[in-house]
Every structure is written in C-alpha cells, then in structure tokens.
Amino acid sequence: MNPRATEGNAEVFGVRCAVIGMVHLGALPGTPRARGGVREIVAQAVAEAETLAGAGVDALLIENMHDRPYLRTEVGPEVVAAMTAAAVAVRQRVKLPCGVQVLAGANEAALAVALAGGFDFIRVEGFVFAHVADEGVIESCAGRLLRARRAWGAEHVRIFADIKKKHSAHAITADVGLAETAKAAEFFCADGVIVTGTATGEPVDVTELAAVAGATALPVLVGSGATREMVEALFPHASGLIVGSHFKVGGCWEGAVDAERVRAFTDRVAELRAR
C-alpha cells in the first residue's frame, strides 16, 4: 500500500469527484504550429484559467496540446521555459490546485515546470510497463521520475499516472489488465491513476473504471470523454474528472473555453455531491 495515498477513491483536492479543467496552451516556440509569442500564449492561458475557475472547476491542468506532432519523452528548454512562464502566471491569478502535463511523456520536464511554477500535481504517461504511442515506444519512467522528485525537493508534487492511455496500442501488455496495471502503479508509488478512452474526447468504459476503483486505494481519475450526460455514471467511481473537449465551444478541444458549458457541468457535479 502506498502511504502517500491518503485520499482513497472518494476524494481528491478535498472534494468528491473533483472537476479538473484543461488549459490547452497555444503552440509553443519552435513547434510546427507556433504562431504567437510567449506573452500571447501566457495571456491566453491566464484568461482560460480564470474562465474555468469562475465557472466552478475545482482544479486546473495545463498542457501543450497544440504542440503536435509531439516529441517522445523529451522536449527542448524553450518548451519548458514557456510552460513555466504560463504556470507562474496562472498560479499568480488562480488560487485553485494546479497541475501540468508535458506531451508526450516528458514527465521530468513536467515535474520541473510544476516545481518552478508552484503547482500541485503532474499528469504522466508511461509510469509503469510500456506501450506504443503515436510518438513511438514509451517505457516505464517511475524509478527515474520518483528519484528526481526526491532529489529536487519536489515530493509535495503529486503524480497522477495514466494507465493504458489513449492514442496508444497496448498489445505488448495484453496479458495485463487495467486493474492489474493500476495495482502496479500503486506499488510503484503513484499518487493516483488516470483511466481514459481510446482517444481525446472518447469516453471511458464505466465497467473498467469501476474495476480499477475497486482494485486500488489510489484516487482514480477519468482522463477523457467526460460530458455532462455521463457525469452520473462516472460519479460513483471517479475521484476526479479531467475535462477538456467538453468545456470547449462545440465540444471540440481546439475551440475556446465555453463558460456556460463549464457551469452546466460543475452544477451537475454539485447536484450529485449534495445527494
């Protein structure tokens, strides 16, 4: 049992079924779709963070989603610098718990951004086992990442690990089920696990989500496809819901944040908490 896993499956960030809103940074310097400068990217991130916070989310997660195609497990210093600038600015303006993910699988970079930006958690991929992602083979990072966290004095930064994540093939671990993967992440000292559908915006299998929640004492988060219509089915099994696409205009991850969609979602979660 991981002694750091004190929340259990019921709560994360002090609330039942926390709503974590995604802030998708604009394409960062040096990436194929980069257009604006760092100041513009940071300003947009702050605006989206404030909109999400004002509409009732419980936490935020910033990510370099627009940097596609992604590099595998490492990014350049320009990306780390730009994401740190965004993190610091968001932290100054929003008092919610905040996290960061650096695609694809650049987990030590994410930890560095979180430490410098005063963030509370990171989302990581490839924490245990291995899989074949869009970017190539992603291998387990748990040993190296946790040693970095200890060496850097960043043990307050929680690690939420994707298991059998979206946009990936898992044939090489076909004999290891999702629940067993969650147990392995717990054994390797993750602070929570994330269950996803097959792709961005695709829903999780609720039966599999329930199985994971029953197999581990760690918080279990939903990492894709959460919609207002699905909240009631997800609520009994999820410690948190990471929401990106559904909070955007038209439900498309590339769109702008739609405060009305966010508020409708958070109001629904509040109704379920009040039962």
Protein backbone atom coordinates (compact mmCIF):
# COMPACT_ATOMS: atom_id res chain seq x y z
CA MET A 1 0.00 0.00 0.00
CA ASN A 2 1.30 3.45 -0.91
CA PRO A 3 1.45 5.50 2.32
CA ARG A 4 1.06 8.70 0.26
CA ALA A 5 -2.40 7.62 -0.95
CA THR A 6 -4.45 9.13 1.86
CA GLU A 7 -7.48 10.31 -0.09
CA GLY A 8 -8.85 6.93 -1.12
CA ASN A 9 -11.25 6.61 -4.04
CA ALA A 10 -13.77 9.12 -2.68
CA GLU A 11 -11.92 12.45 -2.77
CA VAL A 12 -9.07 14.33 -4.36
CA PHE A 13 -8.36 18.02 -3.70
CA GLY A 14 -10.73 17.78 -0.75
CA VAL A 15 -13.95 17.31 -2.73
CA ARG A 16 -15.93 14.39 -4.05
CA CYS A 17 -15.36 13.81 -7.78
CA ALA A 18 -13.17 16.87 -8.39
CA VAL A 19 -13.62 18.68 -11.70
CA ILE A 20 -10.24 19.46 -13.30
CA GLY A 21 -10.42 21.87 -16.22
CA MET A 22 -7.86 21.70 -19.02
CA VAL A 23 -5.92 24.76 -20.17
CA HIS A 24 -4.53 23.92 -23.62
CA LEU A 25 -1.60 26.25 -24.22
CA GLY A 26 -1.15 27.69 -27.68
CA ALA A 27 1.54 26.06 -29.81
CA LEU A 28 4.84 26.79 -28.10
CA PRO A 29 8.02 28.27 -29.63
CA GLY A 30 9.75 26.02 -32.14
CA THR A 31 6.77 23.68 -32.68
CA PRO A 32 5.27 23.27 -36.17
CA ARG A 33 2.10 25.27 -35.48
CA ALA A 34 3.65 28.06 -33.39
CA ARG A 35 2.26 31.48 -34.29
CA GLY A 36 2.21 33.85 -31.33
CA GLY A 37 4.89 34.79 -28.84
CA VAL A 38 5.23 33.62 -25.27
CA ARG A 39 3.44 36.68 -23.86
CA GLU A 40 0.40 35.97 -26.02
CA ILE A 41 0.40 32.30 -25.03
CA VAL A 42 0.65 33.18 -21.34
CA ALA A 43 -2.15 35.77 -21.58
CA GLN A 44 -4.46 33.26 -23.23
CA ALA A 45 -3.64 30.64 -20.60
CA VAL A 46 -4.45 33.04 -17.78
CA ALA A 47 -7.73 34.05 -19.44
CA GLU A 48 -8.80 30.42 -19.87
CA ALA A 49 -7.78 29.57 -16.32
CA GLU A 50 -9.82 32.45 -14.93
CA THR A 51 -12.84 31.47 -17.02
CA LEU A 52 -12.66 27.88 -15.80
CA ALA A 53 -12.20 28.95 -12.18
CA GLY A 54 -15.09 31.39 -12.42
CA ALA A 55 -17.34 28.64 -13.77
CA GLY A 56 -16.73 26.39 -10.79
CA VAL A 57 -13.95 23.87 -11.55
CA ASP A 58 -12.02 22.51 -8.58
CA ALA A 59 -8.56 22.38 -10.17
CA LEU A 60 -6.68 23.17 -13.38
CA LEU A 61 -4.31 21.22 -15.62
CA ILE A 62 -2.18 22.99 -18.24
CA GLU A 63 -0.88 21.05 -21.24
CA ASN A 64 0.96 21.69 -24.51
CA MET A 65 -1.78 20.05 -26.58
CA HIS A 66 -1.20 22.28 -29.61
CA ASP A 67 2.44 21.23 -29.99
CA ARG A 68 1.59 18.28 -32.27
CA PRO A 69 3.29 16.26 -33.55
CA TYR A 70 4.79 15.61 -30.15
CA LEU A 71 8.32 14.63 -29.28
CA ARG A 72 8.80 11.34 -27.44
CA THR A 73 9.64 11.71 -23.71
CA GLU A 74 11.81 14.82 -24.09
CA VAL A 75 11.21 18.45 -25.05
CA GLY A 76 13.55 21.36 -25.55
CA PRO A 77 14.37 24.06 -22.99
CA GLU A 78 12.23 26.53 -24.94
CA VAL A 79 9.13 24.43 -24.19
CA VAL A 80 10.00 24.06 -20.51
CA ALA A 81 10.64 27.81 -20.25
CA ALA A 82 7.39 28.79 -21.96
CA MET A 83 5.32 26.34 -19.91
CA THR A 84 6.95 27.59 -16.71
CA ALA A 85 6.07 31.17 -17.66
CA ALA A 86 2.45 30.11 -18.15
CA ALA A 87 2.44 28.14 -14.90
CA VAL A 88 3.77 31.05 -12.87
CA ALA A 89 1.22 33.45 -14.38
CA VAL A 90 -1.70 31.08 -13.81
CA ARG A 91 -0.55 30.39 -10.24
CA GLN A 92 -0.49 34.13 -9.50
CA ARG A 93 -4.04 34.67 -10.76
CA VAL A 94 -5.89 31.50 -9.75
CA LYS A 95 -5.87 30.00 -6.26
CA LEU A 96 -7.05 26.51 -7.22
CA PRO A 97 -4.88 23.37 -7.19
CA CYS A 98 -2.95 23.28 -10.48
CA GLY A 99 -1.14 20.62 -12.45
CA VAL A 100 0.81 20.23 -15.66
CA GLN A 101 1.37 17.63 -18.37
CA VAL A 102 4.13 17.91 -20.98
CA LEU A 103 3.44 15.87 -24.10
CA ALA A 104 4.47 13.33 -24.96
CA GLY A 105 5.67 11.56 -21.86
CA ALA A 106 8.11 14.36 -20.96
CA ASN A 107 7.46 13.65 -17.32
CA GLU A 108 10.64 15.04 -15.77
CA ALA A 109 10.05 18.25 -17.70
CA ALA A 110 6.54 18.39 -16.24
CA LEU A 111 7.94 17.91 -12.75
CA ALA A 112 10.40 20.76 -13.32
CA VAL A 113 7.60 23.07 -14.52
CA ALA A 114 5.43 22.12 -11.54
CA LEU A 115 8.24 22.76 -9.08
CA ALA A 116 9.18 26.13 -10.57
CA GLY A 117 5.56 27.20 -11.02
CA GLY A 118 4.35 26.25 -7.57
CA PHE A 119 1.99 23.60 -8.93
CA ASP A 120 0.47 20.72 -7.01
CA PHE A 121 0.49 17.73 -9.37
CA ILE A 122 1.61 16.37 -12.72
CA ARG A 123 -0.09 14.03 -15.17
CA VAL A 124 2.33 11.45 -16.54
CA GLU A 125 2.22 8.72 -19.16
CA GLY A 126 4.38 5.61 -19.28
CA PHE A 127 4.67 5.41 -15.50
CA VAL A 128 4.58 1.60 -15.40
CA PHE A 129 5.01 -1.04 -18.12
CA ALA A 130 5.36 0.15 -21.73
CA HIS A 131 3.13 0.92 -24.69
CA VAL A 132 3.33 2.05 -28.31
CA ALA A 133 2.05 5.61 -28.65
CA ASP A 134 1.68 7.87 -31.69
CA GLU A 135 5.22 9.03 -30.97
CA GLY A 136 6.74 5.55 -30.63
CA VAL A 137 7.54 3.24 -27.74
CA ILE A 138 7.03 4.78 -24.30
CA GLU A 139 8.69 2.89 -21.44
CA SER A 140 8.25 2.98 -17.68
CA CYS A 141 9.57 6.13 -16.02
CA ALA A 142 8.57 5.53 -12.39
CA GLY A 143 12.01 4.78 -10.98
CA ARG A 144 13.75 7.72 -12.58
CA LEU A 145 10.87 10.17 -12.03
CA LEU A 146 10.47 9.45 -8.33
CA ARG A 147 14.21 9.74 -7.79
CA ALA A 148 14.13 13.12 -9.50
CA ARG A 149 11.22 14.19 -7.31
CA ARG A 150 13.18 13.25 -4.19
CA ALA A 151 16.45 14.85 -5.39
CA TRP A 152 14.73 18.10 -6.41
CA GLY A 153 12.79 18.51 -3.17
CA ALA A 154 9.51 18.17 -5.07
CA GLU A 155 7.80 15.47 -3.04
CA HIS A 156 4.79 17.74 -2.47
CA VAL A 157 4.03 17.44 -6.22
CA ARG A 158 1.64 14.53 -6.67
CA ILE A 159 1.97 12.15 -9.62
CA PHE A 160 -1.22 11.08 -11.39
CA ALA A 161 -0.36 8.32 -13.84
CA ASP A 162 -2.23 7.35 -16.98
CA ILE A 163 -2.71 3.60 -17.27
CA LYS A 164 -3.17 2.02 -20.71
CA LYS A 165 -3.66 5.55 -22.01
CA LYS A 166 -5.47 6.86 -25.06
CA HIS A 167 -3.86 7.20 -28.50
CA SER A 168 -1.78 4.10 -27.82
CA ALA A 169 -1.53 0.39 -28.62
CA HIS A 170 -1.22 -1.94 -25.65
CA ALA A 171 -0.63 -5.28 -27.38
CA ILE A 172 2.69 -5.73 -25.58
CA THR A 173 0.81 -5.76 -22.25
CA ALA A 174 -2.30 -7.54 -23.49
CA ASP A 175 -1.93 -10.14 -20.72
CA VAL A 176 -2.02 -7.41 -18.04
CA GLY A 177 -5.47 -5.98 -17.35
CA LEU A 178 -6.33 -2.40 -16.50
CA ALA A 179 -6.91 -3.20 -12.83
CA GLU A 180 -3.56 -5.01 -12.60
CA THR A 181 -1.87 -2.02 -14.21
CA ALA A 182 -3.44 0.23 -11.56
CA LYS A 183 -2.09 -2.07 -8.84
CA ALA A 184 1.37 -1.86 -10.41
CA ALA A 185 1.18 1.96 -10.43
CA GLU A 186 0.21 1.88 -6.75
CA PHE A 187 3.09 -0.48 -5.96
CA PHE A 188 5.45 1.90 -7.78
CA CYS A 189 4.24 4.80 -5.59
CA ALA A 190 1.96 6.80 -7.89
CA ASP A 191 -0.37 9.21 -6.09
CA GLY A 192 -3.31 8.46 -8.37
CA VAL A 193 -4.19 6.75 -11.64
CA ILE A 194 -5.99 8.03 -14.73
CA VAL A 195 -8.32 5.96 -16.91
CA THR A 196 -9.05 7.12 -20.47
CA GLY A 197 -10.99 6.15 -23.54
CA THR A 198 -9.24 5.31 -26.79
CA ALA A 199 -8.70 8.91 -27.92
CA THR A 200 -9.19 12.54 -26.91
CA GLY A 201 -12.87 13.13 -26.24
CA GLU A 202 -13.70 9.42 -26.23
CA PRO A 203 -15.49 8.10 -23.12
CA VAL A 204 -14.07 5.59 -20.68
CA ASP A 205 -15.60 2.16 -20.23
CA VAL A 206 -17.54 2.60 -16.98
CA THR A 207 -17.23 -1.10 -16.14
CA GLU A 208 -13.45 -0.89 -16.44
CA LEU A 209 -13.42 2.33 -14.41
CA ALA A 210 -15.35 0.60 -11.63
CA ALA A 211 -12.94 -2.34 -11.70
CA VAL A 212 -9.95 -0.02 -11.31
CA ALA A 213 -11.63 1.86 -8.45
CA GLY A 214 -12.19 -1.46 -6.71
CA ALA A 215 -8.62 -2.66 -7.25
CA THR A 216 -6.64 0.24 -5.77
CA ALA A 217 -6.74 2.58 -2.80
CA LEU A 218 -5.39 5.37 -5.00
CA PRO A 219 -7.60 8.16 -6.33
CA VAL A 220 -8.91 7.15 -9.76
CA LEU A 221 -9.42 9.95 -12.28
CA VAL A 222 -11.19 9.97 -15.63
CA GLY A 223 -8.89 11.38 -18.29
CA SER A 224 -11.08 11.66 -21.40
CA GLY A 225 -14.63 11.83 -22.66
CA ALA A 226 -16.37 13.15 -19.55
CA THR A 227 -19.57 15.00 -20.50
CA ARG A 228 -22.46 16.41 -18.51
CA GLU A 229 -24.58 13.50 -19.72
CA MET A 230 -22.05 10.95 -18.40
CA VAL A 231 -21.38 12.50 -15.00
CA GLU A 232 -23.93 10.45 -13.09
CA ALA A 233 -22.44 7.17 -14.35
CA LEU A 234 -18.88 8.26 -13.61
CA PHE A 235 -19.52 9.88 -10.24
CA PRO A 236 -19.62 6.75 -8.02
CA HIS A 237 -16.25 5.51 -9.30
CA ALA A 238 -14.18 8.62 -10.04
CA SER A 239 -12.14 10.71 -7.64
CA GLY A 240 -11.78 13.34 -10.34
CA LEU A 241 -12.82 14.20 -13.88
CA ILE A 242 -10.25 15.81 -16.19
CA VAL A 243 -12.28 17.72 -18.77
CA GLY A 244 -11.00 19.40 -21.92
CA SER A 245 -13.08 18.87 -25.06
CA HIS A 246 -16.49 19.11 -23.38
CA PHE A 247 -15.64 22.54 -21.97
CA LYS A 248 -14.86 23.99 -25.38
CA VAL A 249 -17.19 25.60 -27.93
CA GLY A 250 -18.90 22.79 -29.83
CA GLY A 251 -17.20 20.17 -27.65
CA CYS A 252 -14.00 20.36 -29.74
CA TRP A 253 -10.66 20.53 -27.92
CA GLU A 254 -9.31 23.13 -30.37
CA GLY A 255 -12.08 25.62 -29.55
CA ALA A 256 -12.30 28.35 -26.93
CA VAL A 257 -13.47 27.64 -23.40
CA ASP A 258 -17.27 27.97 -23.15
CA ALA A 259 -18.16 29.21 -19.66
CA GLU A 260 -21.78 28.10 -19.99
CA ARG A 261 -20.77 24.53 -20.79
CA VAL A 262 -18.38 24.53 -17.84
CA ARG A 263 -21.01 25.87 -15.45
CA ALA A 264 -23.61 23.34 -16.59
CA PHE A 265 -21.10 20.55 -15.90
CA THR A 266 -19.96 21.80 -12.50
CA ASP A 267 -23.56 22.44 -11.45
CA ARG A 268 -24.40 18.83 -12.30
CA VAL A 269 -21.49 17.57 -10.21
CA ALA A 270 -22.60 19.81 -7.34
CA GLU A 271 -26.09 18.27 -7.53
CA LEU A 272 -24.64 14.77 -7.24
CA ARG A 273 -22.42 15.77 -4.31
CA ALA A 274 -25.46 17.16 -2.49
CA ARG A 275 -27.38 13.88 -2.67
